[in-house]
Amino acid sequence: MNSEGPLAVLWVGVAIGAFFTALIWLNTLLPMFLTPLFVIPVTWLLEKLGIGKPRE
């Protein structure tokens, strides 16, 4: 049974909404910034190994 009142329920609802909004925002932005950190070194490695060079 909830005895805190309607203001507390609204406050908790806003807090949970903000939390999940931040979570979605973080999960969308992280791949955009982390992907180049892995892709660029892999391309350097592939070039050094001679894999994926254009055929002449």
PDB file of N, CA and C in Angstrom:
ATOM      1  N   MET A   1       0.833  -1.180   0.000  1.00  0.00           N
ATOM      2  CA  MET A   1       0.000   0.000   0.000  1.00  0.00           C
ATOM      3  C   MET A   1       0.882   1.249   0.000  1.00  0.00           C
ATOM      4  N   ASN A   2       0.530   2.181  -0.846  1.00  0.00           N
ATOM      5  CA  ASN A   2       1.307   3.409  -0.983  1.00  0.00           C
ATOM      6  C   ASN A   2       0.731   4.486  -0.059  1.00  0.00           C
ATOM      7  N   SER A   3       1.559   4.997   0.841  1.00  0.00           N
ATOM      8  CA  SER A   3       1.080   6.017   1.776  1.00  0.00           C
ATOM      9  C   SER A   3       1.864   7.322   1.659  1.00  0.00           C
ATOM     10  N   GLU A   4       2.665   7.482   0.599  1.00  0.00           N
ATOM     11  CA  GLU A   4       3.494   8.680   0.483  1.00  0.00           C
ATOM     12  C   GLU A   4       2.731   9.850  -0.121  1.00  0.00           C
ATOM     13  N   GLY A   5       1.723   9.615  -0.872  1.00  0.00           N
ATOM     14  CA  GLY A   5       0.953  10.687  -1.485  1.00  0.00           C
ATOM     15  C   GLY A   5       1.229  10.811  -2.967  1.00  0.00           C
ATOM     16  N   PRO A   6       0.385  11.569  -3.650  1.00  0.00           N
ATOM     17  CA  PRO A   6       0.493  11.665  -5.115  1.00  0.00           C
ATOM     18  C   PRO A   6       1.740  12.408  -5.585  1.00  0.00           C
ATOM     19  N   LEU A   7       2.224  13.379  -4.808  1.00  0.00           N
ATOM     20  CA  LEU A   7       3.408  14.117  -5.232  1.00  0.00           C
ATOM     21  C   LEU A   7       4.636  13.209  -5.279  1.00  0.00           C
ATOM     22  N   ALA A   8       4.766  12.326  -4.307  1.00  0.00           N
ATOM     23  CA  ALA A   8       5.895  11.395  -4.290  1.00  0.00           C
ATOM     24  C   ALA A   8       5.816  10.422  -5.459  1.00  0.00           C
ATOM     25  N   VAL A   9       4.615   9.992  -5.773  1.00  0.00           N
ATOM     26  CA  VAL A   9       4.449   9.077  -6.910  1.00  0.00           C
ATOM     27  C   VAL A   9       4.836   9.776  -8.202  1.00  0.00           C
ATOM     28  N   LEU A  10       4.436  11.028  -8.370  1.00  0.00           N
ATOM     29  CA  LEU A  10       4.816  11.777  -9.563  1.00  0.00           C
ATOM     30  C   LEU A  10       6.322  12.000  -9.623  1.00  0.00           C
ATOM     31  N   TRP A  11       6.918  12.321  -8.475  1.00  0.00           N
ATOM     32  CA  TRP A  11       8.354  12.561  -8.410  1.00  0.00           C
ATOM     33  C   TRP A  11       9.130  11.304  -8.801  1.00  0.00           C
ATOM     34  N   VAL A  12       8.719  10.167  -8.278  1.00  0.00           N
ATOM     35  CA  VAL A  12       9.380   8.901  -8.623  1.00  0.00           C
ATOM     36  C   VAL A  12       9.163   8.577 -10.093  1.00  0.00           C
ATOM     37  N   GLY A  13       7.991   8.869 -10.619  1.00  0.00           N
ATOM     38  CA  GLY A  13       7.728   8.647 -12.042  1.00  0.00           C
ATOM     39  C   GLY A  13       8.623   9.488 -12.924  1.00  0.00           C
ATOM     40  N   VAL A  14       8.819  10.753 -12.549  1.00  0.00           N
ATOM     41  CA  VAL A  14       9.709  11.627 -13.314  1.00  0.00           C
ATOM     42  C   VAL A  14      11.142  11.126 -13.223  1.00  0.00           C
ATOM     43  N   ALA A  15      11.553  10.691 -12.042  1.00  0.00           N
ATOM     44  CA  ALA A  15      12.922  10.200 -11.867  1.00  0.00           C
ATOM     45  C   ALA A  15      13.157   8.937 -12.694  1.00  0.00           C
ATOM     46  N   ILE A  16      12.217   8.029 -12.681  1.00  0.00           N
ATOM     47  CA  ILE A  16      12.371   6.796 -13.475  1.00  0.00           C
ATOM     48  C   ILE A  16      12.369   7.125 -14.966  1.00  0.00           C
ATOM     49  N   GLY A  17      11.513   8.053 -15.376  1.00  0.00           N
ATOM     50  CA  GLY A  17      11.492   8.477 -16.782  1.00  0.00           C
ATOM     51  C   GLY A  17      12.814   9.090 -17.200  1.00  0.00           C
ATOM     52  N   ALA A  18      13.389   9.939 -16.335  1.00  0.00           N
ATOM     53  CA  ALA A  18      14.683  10.547 -16.647  1.00  0.00           C
ATOM     54  C   ALA A  18      15.783   9.506 -16.711  1.00  0.00           C
ATOM     55  N   PHE A  19      15.712   8.540 -15.812  1.00  0.00           N
ATOM     56  CA  PHE A  19      16.725   7.480 -15.804  1.00  0.00           C
ATOM     57  C   PHE A  19      16.697   6.684 -17.097  1.00  0.00           C
ATOM     58  N   PHE A  20      15.513   6.274 -17.522  1.00  0.00           N
ATOM     59  CA  PHE A  20      15.432   5.469 -18.739  1.00  0.00           C
ATOM     60  C   PHE A  20      15.721   6.299 -19.985  1.00  0.00           C
ATOM     61  N   THR A  21      15.396   7.584 -19.960  1.00  0.00           N
ATOM     62  CA  THR A  21      15.764   8.448 -21.078  1.00  0.00           C
ATOM     63  C   THR A  21      17.276   8.551 -21.192  1.00  0.00           C
ATOM     64  N   ALA A  22      17.949   8.729 -20.053  1.00  0.00           N
ATOM     65  CA  ALA A  22      19.412   8.787 -20.056  1.00  0.00           C
ATOM     66  C   ALA A  22      20.017   7.457 -20.502  1.00  0.00           C
ATOM     67  N   LEU A  23      19.402   6.368 -20.095  1.00  0.00           N
ATOM     68  CA  LEU A  23      19.899   5.045 -20.486  1.00  0.00           C
ATOM     69  C   LEU A  23      19.791   4.840 -21.993  1.00  0.00           C
ATOM     70  N   ILE A  24      18.676   5.218 -22.566  1.00  0.00           N
ATOM     71  CA  ILE A  24      18.494   5.087 -24.019  1.00  0.00           C
ATOM     72  C   ILE A  24      19.467   6.003 -24.753  1.00  0.00           C
ATOM     73  N   TRP A  25      19.636   7.230 -24.247  1.00  0.00           N
ATOM     74  CA  TRP A  25      20.542   8.185 -24.862  1.00  0.00           C
ATOM     75  C   TRP A  25      21.979   7.651 -24.845  1.00  0.00           C
ATOM     76  N   LEU A  26      22.368   7.089 -23.707  1.00  0.00           N
ATOM     77  CA  LEU A  26      23.718   6.548 -23.584  1.00  0.00           C
ATOM     78  C   LEU A  26      23.920   5.350 -24.510  1.00  0.00           C
ATOM     79  N   ASN A  27      22.922   4.483 -24.587  1.00  0.00           N
ATOM     80  CA  ASN A  27      23.047   3.300 -25.434  1.00  0.00           C
ATOM     81  C   ASN A  27      23.033   3.656 -26.916  1.00  0.00           C
ATOM     82  N   THR A  28      22.518   4.831 -27.265  1.00  0.00           N
ATOM     83  CA  THR A  28      22.569   5.231 -28.675  1.00  0.00           C
ATOM     84  C   THR A  28      23.876   5.934 -28.998  1.00  0.00           C
ATOM     85  N   LEU A  29      24.414   6.695 -28.055  1.00  0.00           N
ATOM     86  CA  LEU A  29      25.628   7.448 -28.346  1.00  0.00           C
ATOM     87  C   LEU A  29      26.902   6.621 -28.213  1.00  0.00           C
ATOM     88  N   LEU A  30      26.928   5.685 -27.288  1.00  0.00           N
ATOM     89  CA  LEU A  30      28.152   4.915 -27.064  1.00  0.00           C
ATOM     90  C   LEU A  30      28.655   4.194 -28.313  1.00  0.00           C
ATOM     91  N   PRO A  31      27.805   3.508 -29.062  1.00  0.00           N
ATOM     92  CA  PRO A  31      28.342   2.845 -30.268  1.00  0.00           C
ATOM     93  C   PRO A  31      28.936   3.815 -31.277  1.00  0.00           C
ATOM     94  N   MET A  32      28.385   5.040 -31.367  1.00  0.00           N
ATOM     95  CA  MET A  32      28.926   6.001 -32.329  1.00  0.00           C
ATOM     96  C   MET A  32      30.344   6.418 -31.958  1.00  0.00           C
ATOM     97  N   PHE A  33      30.637   6.481 -30.669  1.00  0.00           N
ATOM     98  CA  PHE A  33      31.970   6.908 -30.246  1.00  0.00           C
ATOM     99  C   PHE A  33      32.933   5.739 -30.066  1.00  0.00           C
ATOM    100  N   LEU A  34      32.429   4.573 -29.710  1.00  0.00           N
ATOM    101  CA  LEU A  34      33.312   3.435 -29.459  1.00  0.00           C
ATOM    102  C   LEU A  34      33.670   2.662 -30.720  1.00  0.00           C
ATOM    103  N   THR A  35      32.799   2.655 -31.714  1.00  0.00           N
ATOM    104  CA  THR A  35      33.067   1.879 -32.923  1.00  0.00           C
ATOM    105  C   THR A  35      34.358   2.309 -33.616  1.00  0.00           C
ATOM    106  N   PRO A  36      34.623   3.600 -33.806  1.00  0.00           N
ATOM    107  CA  PRO A  36      35.895   3.973 -34.450  1.00  0.00           C
ATOM    108  C   PRO A  36      37.123   3.552 -33.650  1.00  0.00           C
ATOM    109  N   LEU A  37      36.993   3.457 -32.334  1.00  0.00           N
ATOM    110  CA  LEU A  37      38.140   3.046 -31.530  1.00  0.00           C
ATOM    111  C   LEU A  37      38.564   1.614 -31.836  1.00  0.00           C
ATOM    112  N   PHE A  38      37.641   0.810 -32.338  1.00  0.00           N
ATOM    113  CA  PHE A  38      37.966  -0.565 -32.691  1.00  0.00           C
ATOM    114  C   PHE A  38      38.172  -0.732 -34.186  1.00  0.00           C
ATOM    115  N   VAL A  39      37.435   0.003 -35.006  1.00  0.00           N
ATOM    116  CA  VAL A  39      37.510  -0.175 -36.460  1.00  0.00           C
ATOM    117  C   VAL A  39      38.830   0.356 -37.010  1.00  0.00           C
ATOM    118  N   ILE A  40      39.266   1.518 -36.551  1.00  0.00           N
ATOM    119  CA  ILE A  40      40.487   2.119 -37.097  1.00  0.00           C
ATOM    120  C   ILE A  40      41.722   1.253 -36.827  1.00  0.00           C
ATOM    121  N   PRO A  41      41.951   0.773 -35.589  1.00  0.00           N
ATOM    122  CA  PRO A  41      43.113  -0.104 -35.396  1.00  0.00           C
ATOM    123  C   PRO A  41      43.018  -1.413 -36.173  1.00  0.00           C
ATOM    124  N   VAL A  42      41.814  -1.928 -36.360  1.00  0.00           N
ATOM    125  CA  VAL A  42      41.670  -3.167 -37.136  1.00  0.00           C
ATOM    126  C   VAL A  42      42.046  -2.923 -38.586  1.00  0.00           C
ATOM    127  N   THR A  43      41.670  -1.772 -39.136  1.00  0.00           N
ATOM    128  CA  THR A  43      42.061  -1.496 -40.520  1.00  0.00           C
ATOM    129  C   THR A  43      43.567  -1.322 -40.638  1.00  0.00           C
ATOM    130  N   TRP A  44      44.197  -0.698 -39.634  1.00  0.00           N
ATOM    131  CA  TRP A  44      45.662  -0.583 -39.644  1.00  0.00           C
ATOM    132  C   TRP A  44      46.304  -1.973 -39.617  1.00  0.00           C
ATOM    133  N   LEU A  45      45.770  -2.842 -38.788  1.00  0.00           N
ATOM    134  CA  LEU A  45      46.304  -4.200 -38.684  1.00  0.00           C
ATOM    135  C   LEU A  45      46.120  -4.960 -39.992  1.00  0.00           C
ATOM    136  N   LEU A  46      44.967  -4.831 -40.608  1.00  0.00           N
ATOM    137  CA  LEU A  46      44.722  -5.518 -41.870  1.00  0.00           C
ATOM    138  C   LEU A  46      45.645  -4.997 -42.969  1.00  0.00           C
ATOM    139  N   GLU A  47      45.917  -3.704 -42.971  1.00  0.00           N
ATOM    140  CA  GLU A  47      46.837  -3.159 -43.975  1.00  0.00           C
ATOM    141  C   GLU A  47      48.251  -3.678 -43.764  1.00  0.00           C
ATOM    142  N   LYS A  48      48.679  -3.774 -42.507  1.00  0.00           N
ATOM    143  CA  LYS A  48      50.032  -4.288 -42.238  1.00  0.00           C
ATOM    144  C   LYS A  48      50.162  -5.754 -42.616  1.00  0.00           C
ATOM    145  N   LEU A  49      49.098  -6.518 -42.441  1.00  0.00           N
ATOM    146  CA  LEU A  49      49.123  -7.930 -42.784  1.00  0.00           C
ATOM    147  C   LEU A  49      48.913  -8.162 -44.278  1.00  0.00           C
ATOM    148  N   GLY A  50      48.528  -7.119 -45.007  1.00  0.00           N
ATOM    149  CA  GLY A  50      48.313  -7.258 -46.438  1.00  0.00           C
ATOM    150  C   GLY A  50      46.971  -7.845 -46.783  1.00  0.00           C
ATOM    151  N   ILE A  51      46.075  -7.865 -45.838  1.00  0.00           N
ATOM    152  CA  ILE A  51      44.737  -8.404 -46.091  1.00  0.00           C
ATOM    153  C   ILE A  51      43.834  -7.259 -46.493  1.00  0.00           C
ATOM    154  N   GLY A  52      43.040  -7.480 -47.535  1.00  0.00           N
ATOM    155  CA  GLY A  52      42.084  -6.481 -47.941  1.00  0.00           C
ATOM    156  C   GLY A  52      42.656  -5.393 -48.830  1.00  0.00           C
ATOM    157  N   LYS A  53      43.861  -5.589 -49.357  1.00  0.00           N
ATOM    158  CA  LYS A  53      44.421  -4.616 -50.284  1.00  0.00           C
ATOM    159  C   LYS A  53      43.682  -4.724 -51.612  1.00  0.00           C
ATOM    160  N   PRO A  54      43.483  -3.612 -52.265  1.00  0.00           N
ATOM    161  CA  PRO A  54      42.827  -3.682 -53.591  1.00  0.00           C
ATOM    162  C   PRO A  54      43.709  -4.402 -54.593  1.00  0.00           C
ATOM    163  N   ARG A  55      43.085  -5.233 -55.408  1.00  0.00           N
ATOM    164  CA  ARG A  55      43.838  -5.992 -56.430  1.00  0.00           C
ATOM    165  C   ARG A  55      44.146  -5.085 -57.599  1.00  0.00           C
ATOM    166  N   GLU A  56      45.317  -5.257 -58.149  1.00  0.00           N
ATOM    167  CA  GLU A  56      45.729  -4.437 -59.295  1.00  0.00           C
ATOM    168  C   GLU A  56      45.678  -5.230 -60.561  1.00  0.00           C
TER     169      GLU A  56
END
